[in-house]
Amino acid sequence: MVNTRFPNLASIIAFSYKNSPDIDLPNWQTLYYKDNYPRLQRIKTQLDPHNRLHHSQSIELLA
């Protein structure tokens, strides 16, 4: 059904995955979150001070 309704879609998304972070981005904080990153760091530090909820590109704790 997708191929019938959107015939050009496969050529656009052939090599991408939804919700998959690009771990090779050098400045992912700015690219993903822009000016909101410092605010997100404050929230992360307050709600998860031991950084238990983390992955390779999770919000970093404040120093």
Foldseek 3Di string as FASTA:
>chain_A
DCCVVPVCVCVVPVPHDPPDDDLPDPPVLCVPPNPCLVVVQVVCCVPPVVPPDDDSDDRDHDD
